[in-house]
């Protein structure tokens, strides 16, 4: 059994030989967990069930309980696009001028690079990551 600490934001964290695992409440409802970029496949009714699944994944090696997040470009709530990579999240956003720009996880906005379309900005992001 692992030791879980509840944080001020309501998440539960577990530190150990495996690194850090987190159990969190999903915006869509229910509880899930993440460890090293892998998310629990199931959504649980409560945090305790999610912690139990995460422990089975970490301690018993039940790798079928977790998966990598969806990859590829997705539409953001703000009307831009984003993609999850091993280095972090790449974002493509539209400026007030109508041009598109790229935000990279390690350097932020790619300065001096303005794109006529979101597709062009996404292609640049794909080439860099």
N, C-alpha and C. Protein backbone atom coordinates (compact mmCIF):
# COMPACT_ATOMS: atom_id res chain seq x y z
N UNK A 1 0.84 -1.18 0.00
CA UNK A 1 0.00 0.00 0.00
C UNK A 1 0.89 1.24 0.00
N UNK A 2 0.56 2.19 -0.86
CA UNK A 2 1.32 3.43 -0.95
C UNK A 2 0.72 4.50 -0.05
N UNK A 3 1.51 5.49 0.29
CA UNK A 3 1.02 6.62 1.10
C UNK A 3 0.65 7.76 0.17
N UNK A 4 -0.58 8.24 0.28
CA UNK A 4 -1.09 9.33 -0.54
C UNK A 4 -1.30 10.54 0.35
N UNK A 5 -0.88 11.70 -0.13
CA UNK A 5 -1.07 12.96 0.59
C UNK A 5 -2.03 13.83 -0.21
N UNK A 6 -3.07 14.33 0.47
CA UNK A 6 -3.99 15.24 -0.21
C UNK A 6 -3.42 16.65 -0.18
N UNK A 7 -3.43 17.29 -1.33
CA UNK A 7 -2.92 18.65 -1.46
C UNK A 7 -4.06 19.66 -1.35
N UNK A 8 -3.71 20.94 -1.24
CA UNK A 8 -4.71 22.00 -1.09
C UNK A 8 -5.69 22.06 -2.26
N UNK A 9 -5.23 21.65 -3.45
CA UNK A 9 -6.10 21.70 -4.62
C UNK A 9 -7.02 20.49 -4.73
N UNK A 10 -6.94 19.56 -3.77
CA UNK A 10 -7.80 18.38 -3.75
C UNK A 10 -7.17 17.15 -4.37
N UNK A 11 -6.07 17.31 -5.10
CA UNK A 11 -5.37 16.17 -5.70
C UNK A 11 -4.67 15.36 -4.62
N UNK A 12 -4.39 14.11 -4.96
CA UNK A 12 -3.63 13.23 -4.09
C UNK A 12 -2.32 12.90 -4.78
N UNK A 13 -1.21 13.02 -4.04
CA UNK A 13 0.11 12.70 -4.58
C UNK A 13 0.75 11.60 -3.78
N UNK A 14 1.51 10.78 -4.52
CA UNK A 14 2.25 9.69 -3.91
C UNK A 14 3.68 9.74 -4.43
N UNK A 15 4.65 9.86 -3.53
CA UNK A 15 6.07 9.87 -3.89
C UNK A 15 6.66 8.52 -3.49
N UNK A 16 7.52 7.99 -4.34
CA UNK A 16 8.16 6.72 -4.01
C UNK A 16 9.21 6.35 -5.02
N UNK A 17 9.64 5.09 -4.98
CA UNK A 17 10.65 4.60 -5.91
C UNK A 17 10.19 4.73 -7.36
N UNK A 18 8.90 4.73 -7.57
CA UNK A 18 8.31 4.84 -8.90
C UNK A 18 8.29 6.27 -9.42
N UNK A 19 8.60 7.24 -8.58
CA UNK A 19 8.47 8.65 -8.94
C UNK A 19 7.23 9.23 -8.29
N UNK A 20 6.57 10.15 -8.96
CA UNK A 20 5.38 10.79 -8.42
C UNK A 20 4.16 10.33 -9.21
N UNK A 21 3.13 9.94 -8.49
CA UNK A 21 1.84 9.60 -9.09
C UNK A 21 0.82 10.58 -8.53
N UNK A 22 -0.16 10.94 -9.35
CA UNK A 22 -1.19 11.89 -8.95
C UNK A 22 -2.57 11.31 -9.23
N UNK A 23 -3.48 11.49 -8.30
CA UNK A 23 -4.89 11.18 -8.50
C UNK A 23 -5.63 12.51 -8.42
N UNK A 24 -6.51 12.76 -9.39
CA UNK A 24 -7.14 14.07 -9.51
C UNK A 24 -8.60 13.94 -9.93
N UNK A 25 -9.38 14.97 -9.61
CA UNK A 25 -10.78 15.04 -10.06
C UNK A 25 -10.79 15.58 -11.48
N UNK A 26 -11.48 14.89 -12.37
CA UNK A 26 -11.57 15.30 -13.76
C UNK A 26 -12.60 16.42 -13.91
N UNK A 27 -12.36 17.32 -14.85
CA UNK A 27 -13.32 18.40 -15.11
C UNK A 27 -14.67 17.83 -15.52
N UNK A 28 -14.66 16.72 -16.22
CA UNK A 28 -15.90 16.10 -16.69
C UNK A 28 -16.60 15.28 -15.60
N UNK A 29 -15.98 15.19 -14.43
CA UNK A 29 -16.54 14.43 -13.32
C UNK A 29 -15.78 13.14 -13.09
N UNK A 30 -15.80 12.65 -11.88
CA UNK A 30 -15.09 11.43 -11.54
C UNK A 30 -13.63 11.69 -11.23
N UNK A 31 -12.90 10.61 -10.96
CA UNK A 31 -11.50 10.67 -10.57
C UNK A 31 -10.65 9.84 -11.51
N UNK A 32 -9.42 10.28 -11.74
CA UNK A 32 -8.47 9.54 -12.56
C UNK A 32 -7.09 9.70 -11.94
N UNK A 33 -6.08 9.15 -12.60
CA UNK A 33 -4.73 9.26 -12.10
C UNK A 33 -3.74 9.33 -13.24
N UNK A 34 -2.54 9.84 -12.93
CA UNK A 34 -1.48 9.96 -13.93
C UNK A 34 -0.14 9.65 -13.28
N UNK A 35 0.70 8.96 -14.06
CA UNK A 35 2.07 8.68 -13.64
C UNK A 35 2.94 8.66 -14.87
N UNK A 36 3.96 9.49 -14.90
CA UNK A 36 4.94 9.50 -15.97
C UNK A 36 4.29 9.60 -17.36
N UNK A 37 3.24 10.43 -17.46
CA UNK A 37 2.57 10.66 -18.74
C UNK A 37 1.49 9.64 -19.08
N UNK A 38 1.34 8.60 -18.27
CA UNK A 38 0.32 7.58 -18.50
C UNK A 38 -0.88 7.85 -17.60
N UNK A 39 -2.07 7.85 -18.20
CA UNK A 39 -3.31 8.12 -17.49
C UNK A 39 -4.09 6.84 -17.28
N UNK A 40 -4.78 6.75 -16.15
CA UNK A 40 -5.67 5.60 -15.94
C UNK A 40 -6.73 5.60 -17.04
N UNK A 41 -7.06 4.44 -17.54
CA UNK A 41 -8.10 4.33 -18.56
C UNK A 41 -9.48 4.57 -17.96
N UNK A 42 -9.68 4.11 -16.74
CA UNK A 42 -10.99 4.19 -16.09
C UNK A 42 -11.18 5.54 -15.41
N UNK A 43 -12.42 5.96 -15.34
CA UNK A 43 -12.81 7.08 -14.50
C UNK A 43 -13.54 6.48 -13.31
N UNK A 44 -13.10 6.84 -12.12
CA UNK A 44 -13.63 6.26 -10.89
C UNK A 44 -14.61 7.20 -10.20
N UNK A 45 -15.50 6.61 -9.41
CA UNK A 45 -16.49 7.41 -8.68
C UNK A 45 -15.87 8.22 -7.54
N UNK A 46 -14.78 7.71 -6.98
CA UNK A 46 -14.15 8.43 -5.87
C UNK A 46 -12.63 8.29 -5.94
N UNK A 47 -11.96 9.13 -5.17
CA UNK A 47 -10.50 9.18 -5.19
C UNK A 47 -9.89 7.87 -4.71
N UNK A 48 -10.50 7.23 -3.73
CA UNK A 48 -9.95 5.99 -3.18
C UNK A 48 -9.88 4.89 -4.25
N UNK A 49 -10.91 4.78 -5.07
CA UNK A 49 -10.89 3.78 -6.14
C UNK A 49 -9.79 4.09 -7.15
N UNK A 50 -9.62 5.37 -7.47
CA UNK A 50 -8.57 5.77 -8.41
C UNK A 50 -7.19 5.47 -7.82
N UNK A 51 -7.01 5.72 -6.52
CA UNK A 51 -5.73 5.41 -5.88
C UNK A 51 -5.46 3.90 -5.90
N UNK A 52 -6.50 3.10 -5.68
CA UNK A 52 -6.33 1.64 -5.72
C UNK A 52 -5.90 1.18 -7.12
N UNK A 53 -6.52 1.73 -8.16
CA UNK A 53 -6.14 1.37 -9.53
C UNK A 53 -4.70 1.81 -9.82
N UNK A 54 -4.35 3.01 -9.37
CA UNK A 54 -2.99 3.51 -9.61
C UNK A 54 -1.97 2.61 -8.89
N UNK A 55 -2.29 2.15 -7.70
CA UNK A 55 -1.39 1.25 -6.98
C UNK A 55 -1.23 -0.08 -7.71
N UNK A 56 -2.31 -0.60 -8.26
CA UNK A 56 -2.22 -1.85 -9.04
C UNK A 56 -1.34 -1.63 -10.26
N UNK A 57 -1.48 -0.48 -10.88
CA UNK A 57 -0.64 -0.15 -12.05
C UNK A 57 0.83 -0.05 -11.65
N UNK A 58 1.12 0.66 -10.57
CA UNK A 58 2.50 0.90 -10.15
C UNK A 58 3.15 -0.31 -9.49
N UNK A 59 2.44 -0.94 -8.57
CA UNK A 59 3.05 -1.99 -7.75
C UNK A 59 2.92 -3.39 -8.34
N UNK A 60 1.84 -3.63 -9.04
CA UNK A 60 1.60 -4.97 -9.56
C UNK A 60 1.86 -5.08 -11.06
N UNK A 61 2.20 -3.94 -11.67
CA UNK A 61 2.56 -3.97 -13.08
C UNK A 61 1.39 -4.23 -14.02
N UNK A 62 0.19 -3.88 -13.60
CA UNK A 62 -0.99 -4.07 -14.45
C UNK A 62 -1.06 -2.93 -15.48
N UNK A 63 -0.22 -3.04 -16.50
CA UNK A 63 -0.07 -1.95 -17.47
C UNK A 63 -1.32 -1.72 -18.32
N UNK A 64 -2.23 -2.68 -18.36
CA UNK A 64 -3.45 -2.49 -19.14
C UNK A 64 -4.40 -1.48 -18.48
N UNK A 65 -4.10 -1.05 -17.26
CA UNK A 65 -4.95 -0.07 -16.57
C UNK A 65 -4.70 1.36 -17.03
N UNK A 66 -3.57 1.62 -17.70
CA UNK A 66 -3.20 2.99 -18.06
C UNK A 66 -2.86 3.08 -19.54
N UNK A 67 -2.89 4.31 -20.06
CA UNK A 67 -2.58 4.56 -21.45
C UNK A 67 -1.95 5.94 -21.58
N UNK A 68 -1.24 6.13 -22.68
CA UNK A 68 -0.74 7.46 -23.00
C UNK A 68 -1.92 8.31 -23.46
N UNK A 69 -1.86 9.62 -23.24
CA UNK A 69 -2.97 10.46 -23.69
C UNK A 69 -3.05 10.49 -25.21
N UNK A 70 -4.20 10.95 -25.70
CA UNK A 70 -4.40 11.09 -27.13
C UNK A 70 -3.33 12.01 -27.69
N UNK A 71 -2.71 11.59 -28.79
CA UNK A 71 -1.71 12.44 -29.42
C UNK A 71 -2.30 13.03 -30.69
N UNK A 72 -1.60 13.96 -31.25
CA UNK A 72 -2.10 14.64 -32.43
C UNK A 72 -2.71 15.98 -32.02
N UNK A 73 -2.97 16.79 -32.99
CA UNK A 73 -3.50 18.12 -32.75
C UNK A 73 -4.97 18.05 -32.37
N UNK A 74 -5.32 18.83 -31.35
CA UNK A 74 -6.70 18.91 -30.88
C UNK A 74 -7.11 20.37 -30.80
N UNK A 75 -8.40 20.63 -30.92
CA UNK A 75 -8.92 21.99 -30.82
C UNK A 75 -8.98 22.41 -29.36
N UNK A 76 -8.50 23.61 -29.07
CA UNK A 76 -8.55 24.13 -27.70
C UNK A 76 -9.88 24.83 -27.48
N UNK A 77 -10.20 25.07 -26.22
CA UNK A 77 -11.44 25.78 -25.89
C UNK A 77 -11.41 27.22 -26.39
N UNK A 78 -10.21 27.78 -26.54
CA UNK A 78 -10.06 29.18 -26.95
C UNK A 78 -10.06 29.34 -28.48
N UNK A 79 -10.18 28.24 -29.22
CA UNK A 79 -10.22 28.34 -30.67
C UNK A 79 -8.91 28.07 -31.37
N UNK A 80 -7.87 27.78 -30.64
CA UNK A 80 -6.59 27.42 -31.23
C UNK A 80 -6.45 25.91 -31.28
N UNK A 81 -5.21 25.46 -31.25
CA UNK A 81 -4.92 24.03 -31.31
C UNK A 81 -3.79 23.71 -30.33
N UNK A 82 -3.74 22.46 -29.90
CA UNK A 82 -2.65 22.04 -29.04
C UNK A 82 -2.34 20.57 -29.30
N UNK A 83 -1.12 20.20 -28.92
CA UNK A 83 -0.66 18.83 -29.09
C UNK A 83 0.22 18.48 -27.90
N UNK A 84 -0.01 17.32 -27.32
CA UNK A 84 0.80 16.85 -26.20
C UNK A 84 2.00 16.10 -26.75
N UNK A 85 3.18 16.44 -26.25
CA UNK A 85 4.42 15.76 -26.64
C UNK A 85 5.14 15.33 -25.37
N UNK A 86 6.21 14.59 -25.51
CA UNK A 86 6.99 14.18 -24.35
C UNK A 86 7.66 15.38 -23.69
N UNK A 87 7.87 16.45 -24.44
CA UNK A 87 8.51 17.65 -23.89
C UNK A 87 7.51 18.62 -23.27
N UNK A 88 6.24 18.39 -23.47
CA UNK A 88 5.21 19.28 -22.97
C UNK A 88 4.16 19.54 -24.05
N UNK A 89 3.40 20.59 -23.86
CA UNK A 89 2.31 20.91 -24.78
C UNK A 89 2.74 21.99 -25.76
N UNK A 90 2.48 21.74 -27.04
CA UNK A 90 2.70 22.73 -28.11
C UNK A 90 1.34 23.36 -28.39
N UNK A 91 1.30 24.67 -28.52
CA UNK A 91 0.05 25.37 -28.82
C UNK A 91 0.18 26.19 -30.08
N UNK A 92 -0.91 26.28 -30.82
CA UNK A 92 -1.01 27.16 -31.98
C UNK A 92 -2.18 28.09 -31.69
N UNK A 93 -1.89 29.40 -31.73
CA UNK A 93 -2.91 30.39 -31.36
C UNK A 93 -3.01 31.46 -32.44
N UNK A 94 -4.16 32.10 -32.48
CA UNK A 94 -4.41 33.14 -33.47
C UNK A 94 -4.27 34.51 -32.80
N UNK A 95 -3.46 35.37 -33.41
CA UNK A 95 -3.25 36.72 -32.90
C UNK A 95 -4.39 37.63 -33.38
N UNK A 96 -4.52 38.78 -32.77
CA UNK A 96 -5.53 39.75 -33.19
C UNK A 96 -5.36 40.17 -34.64
N UNK A 97 -4.13 40.09 -35.14
CA UNK A 97 -3.83 40.46 -36.52
C UNK A 97 -4.39 39.45 -37.52
N UNK A 98 -4.78 38.27 -37.04
CA UNK A 98 -5.26 37.22 -37.93
C UNK A 98 -4.18 36.20 -38.26
N UNK A 99 -2.94 36.50 -37.91
CA UNK A 99 -1.84 35.55 -38.13
C UNK A 99 -1.83 34.53 -36.99
N UNK A 100 -1.16 33.41 -37.24
CA UNK A 100 -1.06 32.35 -36.25
C UNK A 100 0.35 32.28 -35.71
N UNK A 101 0.50 31.89 -34.44
CA UNK A 101 1.82 31.73 -33.85
C UNK A 101 1.89 30.44 -33.07
N UNK A 102 3.13 30.03 -32.79
CA UNK A 102 3.42 28.75 -32.18
C UNK A 102 4.02 28.97 -30.79
N UNK A 103 3.53 28.23 -29.81
CA UNK A 103 4.06 28.28 -28.44
C UNK A 103 4.65 26.91 -28.13
N UNK A 104 5.94 26.89 -27.82
CA UNK A 104 6.66 25.65 -27.57
C UNK A 104 6.90 25.46 -26.09
N UNK A 105 6.93 24.21 -25.61
CA UNK A 105 7.05 23.98 -24.16
C UNK A 105 8.35 24.45 -23.54
N UNK A 106 9.44 24.44 -24.30
CA UNK A 106 10.72 24.79 -23.69
C UNK A 106 11.11 26.25 -23.87
N UNK A 107 10.54 26.96 -24.86
CA UNK A 107 10.94 28.36 -25.08
C UNK A 107 9.78 29.34 -25.11
N UNK A 108 8.57 28.86 -25.06
CA UNK A 108 7.42 29.76 -25.13
C UNK A 108 7.11 30.12 -26.58
N UNK A 109 6.63 31.34 -26.78
CA UNK A 109 6.26 31.76 -28.13
C UNK A 109 7.48 31.78 -29.04
N UNK A 110 7.34 31.20 -30.22
CA UNK A 110 8.41 31.19 -31.22
C UNK A 110 8.43 32.57 -31.85
N UNK A 111 9.34 33.40 -31.38
CA UNK A 111 9.39 34.81 -31.79
C UNK A 111 9.83 34.96 -33.25
N UNK A 112 9.22 35.93 -33.91
CA UNK A 112 9.58 36.23 -35.29
C UNK A 112 9.00 35.27 -36.32
N UNK A 113 8.15 34.37 -35.88
CA UNK A 113 7.54 33.41 -36.80
C UNK A 113 6.02 33.59 -36.76
N UNK A 114 5.48 34.15 -37.81
CA UNK A 114 4.04 34.33 -37.95
C UNK A 114 3.58 33.50 -39.14
N UNK A 115 2.47 32.84 -38.99
CA UNK A 115 2.00 31.92 -40.02
C UNK A 115 0.65 32.39 -40.56
N UNK A 116 0.45 32.16 -41.85
CA UNK A 116 -0.81 32.56 -42.49
C UNK A 116 -1.96 31.63 -42.14
N UNK A 117 -1.64 30.41 -41.74
CA UNK A 117 -2.69 29.45 -41.39
C UNK A 117 -2.27 28.65 -40.16
N UNK A 118 -3.28 28.11 -39.48
CA UNK A 118 -3.01 27.24 -38.34
C UNK A 118 -2.26 25.99 -38.79
N UNK A 119 -2.60 25.50 -39.98
CA UNK A 119 -1.95 24.30 -40.50
C UNK A 119 -0.45 24.50 -40.67
N UNK A 120 -0.05 25.68 -41.15
CA UNK A 120 1.38 25.98 -41.32
C UNK A 120 2.09 26.00 -39.97
N UNK A 121 1.45 26.59 -38.99
CA UNK A 121 2.04 26.64 -37.65
C UNK A 121 2.14 25.24 -37.06
N UNK A 122 1.12 24.41 -37.27
CA UNK A 122 1.15 23.05 -36.74
C UNK A 122 2.25 22.23 -37.42
N UNK A 123 2.44 22.44 -38.72
CA UNK A 123 3.53 21.73 -39.42
C UNK A 123 4.88 22.11 -38.84
N UNK A 124 5.07 23.38 -38.54
CA UNK A 124 6.33 23.82 -37.92
C UNK A 124 6.50 23.14 -36.55
N UNK A 125 5.43 23.09 -35.78
CA UNK A 125 5.49 22.42 -34.48
C UNK A 125 5.83 20.94 -34.62
N UNK A 126 5.23 20.28 -35.61
CA UNK A 126 5.52 18.86 -35.85
C UNK A 126 6.99 18.65 -36.21
N UNK A 127 7.56 19.56 -36.96
CA UNK A 127 8.96 19.43 -37.37
C UNK A 127 9.91 19.62 -36.19
N UNK A 128 9.52 20.44 -35.25
CA UNK A 128 10.38 20.71 -34.09
C UNK A 128 10.25 19.63 -33.02
N UNK A 129 9.10 18.95 -32.94
CA UNK A 129 8.87 17.92 -31.91
C UNK A 129 8.32 16.68 -32.57
